[in-house]
């Protein structure tokens, strides 16, 4: 099986709950709540982790599965895979590749910003 992960997916959210909230609100709270047979206020509480009185209200595994099935959004699975299944050697190779491409454009960006490059001062 091959997974095509969105680069940096796990770095954009602090938790799966935060990732889910971002996705739900982007899709429309009312629409997603309807697909999950929840009221918008209940879904909001579950995404927040508690109700307005501070009582814990988390999303269950069954509700997470229902969200994925009913919306077709598999990004929560990708988020978890990106966060917990990353090979450190691959992550290092990706970082080195990004640094190499940045090194190519950095001198031009510095010059455009009026910063000193190559030991010569711009006039």
C-alpha atoms as a PDB file:
ATOM      1  CA  UNK A   1       0.000   0.000   0.000  1.00  0.00           C
ATOM      2  CA  UNK A   2       1.244   3.478  -0.837  1.00  0.00           C
ATOM      3  CA  UNK A   3       0.127   6.564   1.060  1.00  0.00           C
ATOM      4  CA  UNK A   4       0.488   9.996  -0.458  1.00  0.00           C
ATOM      5  CA  UNK A   5       0.692  12.335   2.508  1.00  0.00           C
ATOM      6  CA  UNK A   6       0.253  16.054   2.322  1.00  0.00           C
ATOM      7  CA  UNK A   7       3.635  17.532   3.278  1.00  0.00           C
ATOM      8  CA  UNK A   8       3.634  19.090   6.746  1.00  0.00           C
ATOM      9  CA  UNK A   9       0.094  17.991   7.592  1.00  0.00           C
ATOM     10  CA  UNK A  10       0.986  17.073  11.174  1.00  0.00           C
ATOM     11  CA  UNK A  11       2.905  20.337  11.675  1.00  0.00           C
ATOM     12  CA  UNK A  12      -0.116  22.533  10.882  1.00  0.00           C
ATOM     13  CA  UNK A  13      -2.151  21.337  13.873  1.00  0.00           C
ATOM     14  CA  UNK A  14      -1.150  20.658  17.460  1.00  0.00           C
ATOM     15  CA  UNK A  15      -3.470  17.659  17.770  1.00  0.00           C
ATOM     16  CA  UNK A  16      -5.905  15.459  15.894  1.00  0.00           C
ATOM     17  CA  UNK A  17      -8.732  17.360  17.607  1.00  0.00           C
ATOM     18  CA  UNK A  18      -7.418  20.677  16.235  1.00  0.00           C
ATOM     19  CA  UNK A  19      -6.985  19.149  12.773  1.00  0.00           C
ATOM     20  CA  UNK A  20     -10.552  17.825  12.882  1.00  0.00           C
ATOM     21  CA  UNK A  21     -11.934  21.200  13.956  1.00  0.00           C
ATOM     22  CA  UNK A  22     -10.151  22.922  11.076  1.00  0.00           C
ATOM     23  CA  UNK A  23     -11.541  20.414   8.586  1.00  0.00           C
ATOM     24  CA  UNK A  24     -15.089  20.513   9.979  1.00  0.00           C
ATOM     25  CA  UNK A  25     -15.302  24.302   9.983  1.00  0.00           C
ATOM     26  CA  UNK A  26     -13.822  24.447   6.471  1.00  0.00           C
ATOM     27  CA  UNK A  27     -16.501  22.009   5.233  1.00  0.00           C
ATOM     28  CA  UNK A  28     -19.274  23.779   7.140  1.00  0.00           C
ATOM     29  CA  UNK A  29     -20.245  22.933  10.702  1.00  0.00           C
ATOM     30  CA  UNK A  30     -23.953  22.516   9.972  1.00  0.00           C
ATOM     31  CA  UNK A  31     -23.345  20.289   6.952  1.00  0.00           C
ATOM     32  CA  UNK A  32     -20.902  18.000   8.760  1.00  0.00           C
ATOM     33  CA  UNK A  33     -23.052  17.851  11.905  1.00  0.00           C
ATOM     34  CA  UNK A  34     -26.009  16.765   9.786  1.00  0.00           C
ATOM     35  CA  UNK A  35     -23.976  14.020   8.130  1.00  0.00           C
ATOM     36  CA  UNK A  36     -22.936  12.779  11.561  1.00  0.00           C
ATOM     37  CA  UNK A  37     -26.457  12.948  13.026  1.00  0.00           C
ATOM     38  CA  UNK A  38     -25.325  15.486  15.628  1.00  0.00           C
ATOM     39  CA  UNK A  39     -26.532  18.974  16.363  1.00  0.00           C
ATOM     40  CA  UNK A  40     -24.037  21.699  15.451  1.00  0.00           C
ATOM     41  CA  UNK A  41     -23.692  22.600  19.147  1.00  0.00           C
ATOM     42  CA  UNK A  42     -22.896  18.981  20.120  1.00  0.00           C
ATOM     43  CA  UNK A  43     -20.315  18.713  17.348  1.00  0.00           C
ATOM     44  CA  UNK A  44     -18.782  22.006  18.489  1.00  0.00           C
ATOM     45  CA  UNK A  45     -18.497  20.648  22.041  1.00  0.00           C
ATOM     46  CA  UNK A  46     -16.875  17.435  20.814  1.00  0.00           C
ATOM     47  CA  UNK A  47     -14.365  19.373  18.711  1.00  0.00           C
ATOM     48  CA  UNK A  48     -13.598  21.654  21.661  1.00  0.00           C
ATOM     49  CA  UNK A  49     -13.230  18.700  24.033  1.00  0.00           C
ATOM     50  CA  UNK A  50     -15.695  20.066  26.546  1.00  0.00           C
ATOM     51  CA  UNK A  51     -19.044  21.787  26.877  1.00  0.00           C
ATOM     52  CA  UNK A  52     -19.511  25.405  27.957  1.00  0.00           C
ATOM     53  CA  UNK A  53     -19.460  24.310  31.616  1.00  0.00           C
ATOM     54  CA  UNK A  54     -16.103  22.578  31.197  1.00  0.00           C
ATOM     55  CA  UNK A  55     -17.532  19.053  31.276  1.00  0.00           C
ATOM     56  CA  UNK A  56     -15.468  16.744  29.012  1.00  0.00           C
ATOM     57  CA  UNK A  57     -17.126  16.032  25.665  1.00  0.00           C
ATOM     58  CA  UNK A  58     -14.729  14.255  23.343  1.00  0.00           C
ATOM     59  CA  UNK A  59     -15.332  12.678  19.976  1.00  0.00           C
ATOM     60  CA  UNK A  60     -15.502   8.889  20.178  1.00  0.00           C
ATOM     61  CA  UNK A  61     -13.634   6.547  17.871  1.00  0.00           C
ATOM     62  CA  UNK A  62     -17.001   5.553  16.379  1.00  0.00           C
ATOM     63  CA  UNK A  63     -17.775   9.214  15.662  1.00  0.00           C
ATOM     64  CA  UNK A  64     -14.365   9.701  14.069  1.00  0.00           C
ATOM     65  CA  UNK A  65     -15.012   6.695  11.870  1.00  0.00           C
ATOM     66  CA  UNK A  66     -18.480   8.027  10.997  1.00  0.00           C
ATOM     67  CA  UNK A  67     -16.957  11.401  10.077  1.00  0.00           C
ATOM     68  CA  UNK A  68     -14.473   9.743   7.708  1.00  0.00           C
ATOM     69  CA  UNK A  69     -17.108   7.482   6.174  1.00  0.00           C
ATOM     70  CA  UNK A  70     -19.835  10.097   5.753  1.00  0.00           C
ATOM     71  CA  UNK A  71     -17.685  13.010   4.582  1.00  0.00           C
ATOM     72  CA  UNK A  72     -15.070  11.066   2.629  1.00  0.00           C
ATOM     73  CA  UNK A  73     -12.380  13.152   4.366  1.00  0.00           C
ATOM     74  CA  UNK A  74      -9.500  10.787   5.092  1.00  0.00           C
ATOM     75  CA  UNK A  75      -7.173  13.549   6.236  1.00  0.00           C
ATOM     76  CA  UNK A  76      -7.491  12.512   9.925  1.00  0.00           C
ATOM     77  CA  UNK A  77      -5.889   9.177   9.011  1.00  0.00           C
ATOM     78  CA  UNK A  78      -3.194  10.990   7.023  1.00  0.00           C
ATOM     79  CA  UNK A  79      -2.625  13.355   9.956  1.00  0.00           C
ATOM     80  CA  UNK A  80      -1.995  10.418  12.306  1.00  0.00           C
ATOM     81  CA  UNK A  81       0.212   8.626   9.785  1.00  0.00           C
ATOM     82  CA  UNK A  82       2.248  11.789   9.178  1.00  0.00           C
ATOM     83  CA  UNK A  83       2.614  12.396  12.901  1.00  0.00           C
ATOM     84  CA  UNK A  84       3.441   8.885  14.077  1.00  0.00           C
ATOM     85  CA  UNK A  85       4.706   6.848  11.125  1.00  0.00           C
ATOM     86  CA  UNK A  86       7.363   9.152   9.711  1.00  0.00           C
ATOM     87  CA  UNK A  87      10.740   7.526   9.137  1.00  0.00           C
ATOM     88  CA  UNK A  88      13.325   9.878  10.694  1.00  0.00           C
ATOM     89  CA  UNK A  89      15.801   9.162   7.887  1.00  0.00           C
ATOM     90  CA  UNK A  90      13.211  10.105   5.253  1.00  0.00           C
ATOM     91  CA  UNK A  91      12.282  13.241   7.189  1.00  0.00           C
ATOM     92  CA  UNK A  92      15.971  14.193   7.300  1.00  0.00           C
ATOM     93  CA  UNK A  93      16.340  13.616   3.547  1.00  0.00           C
ATOM     94  CA  UNK A  94      13.280  15.782   2.882  1.00  0.00           C
ATOM     95  CA  UNK A  95      14.679  18.544   5.087  1.00  0.00           C
ATOM     96  CA  UNK A  96      18.043  18.391   3.308  1.00  0.00           C
ATOM     97  CA  UNK A  97      16.327  18.620  -0.081  1.00  0.00           C
ATOM     98  CA  UNK A  98      14.382  21.677   1.080  1.00  0.00           C
ATOM     99  CA  UNK A  99      17.584  23.266   2.398  1.00  0.00           C
ATOM    100  CA  UNK A 100      19.318  22.659  -0.945  1.00  0.00           C
ATOM    101  CA  UNK A 101      16.515  24.382  -2.856  1.00  0.00           C
ATOM    102  CA  UNK A 102      16.496  27.233  -0.348  1.00  0.00           C
ATOM    103  CA  UNK A 103      20.260  27.658  -0.705  1.00  0.00           C
ATOM    104  CA  UNK A 104      19.759  28.221  -4.436  1.00  0.00           C
ATOM    105  CA  UNK A 105      17.289  31.085  -3.996  1.00  0.00           C
ATOM    106  CA  UNK A 106      18.573  32.602  -0.754  1.00  0.00           C
ATOM    107  CA  UNK A 107      21.306  34.831  -2.284  1.00  0.00           C
ATOM    108  CA  UNK A 108      18.844  36.415  -4.719  1.00  0.00           C
ATOM    109  CA  UNK A 109      16.297  36.961  -1.924  1.00  0.00           C
ATOM    110  CA  UNK A 110      18.926  38.540   0.297  1.00  0.00           C
ATOM    111  CA  UNK A 111      20.066  40.825  -2.522  1.00  0.00           C
ATOM    112  CA  UNK A 112      16.463  41.824  -3.266  1.00  0.00           C
ATOM    113  CA  UNK A 113      16.032  42.630   0.419  1.00  0.00           C
ATOM    114  CA  UNK A 114      19.112  44.820   0.325  1.00  0.00           C
ATOM    115  CA  UNK A 115      21.119  42.539   2.596  1.00  0.00           C
ATOM    116  CA  UNK A 116      24.834  41.975   2.249  1.00  0.00           C
ATOM    117  CA  UNK A 117      25.836  38.839   0.309  1.00  0.00           C
ATOM    118  CA  UNK A 118      29.229  37.282  -0.482  1.00  0.00           C
ATOM    119  CA  UNK A 119      31.052  39.646   1.862  1.00  0.00           C
ATOM    120  CA  UNK A 120      30.336  42.621  -0.404  1.00  0.00           C
ATOM    121  CA  UNK A 121      28.320  45.549   0.789  1.00  0.00           C
ATOM    122  CA  UNK A 122      25.548  46.810  -1.482  1.00  0.00           C
ATOM    123  CA  UNK A 123      25.614  50.483  -2.362  1.00  0.00           C
END
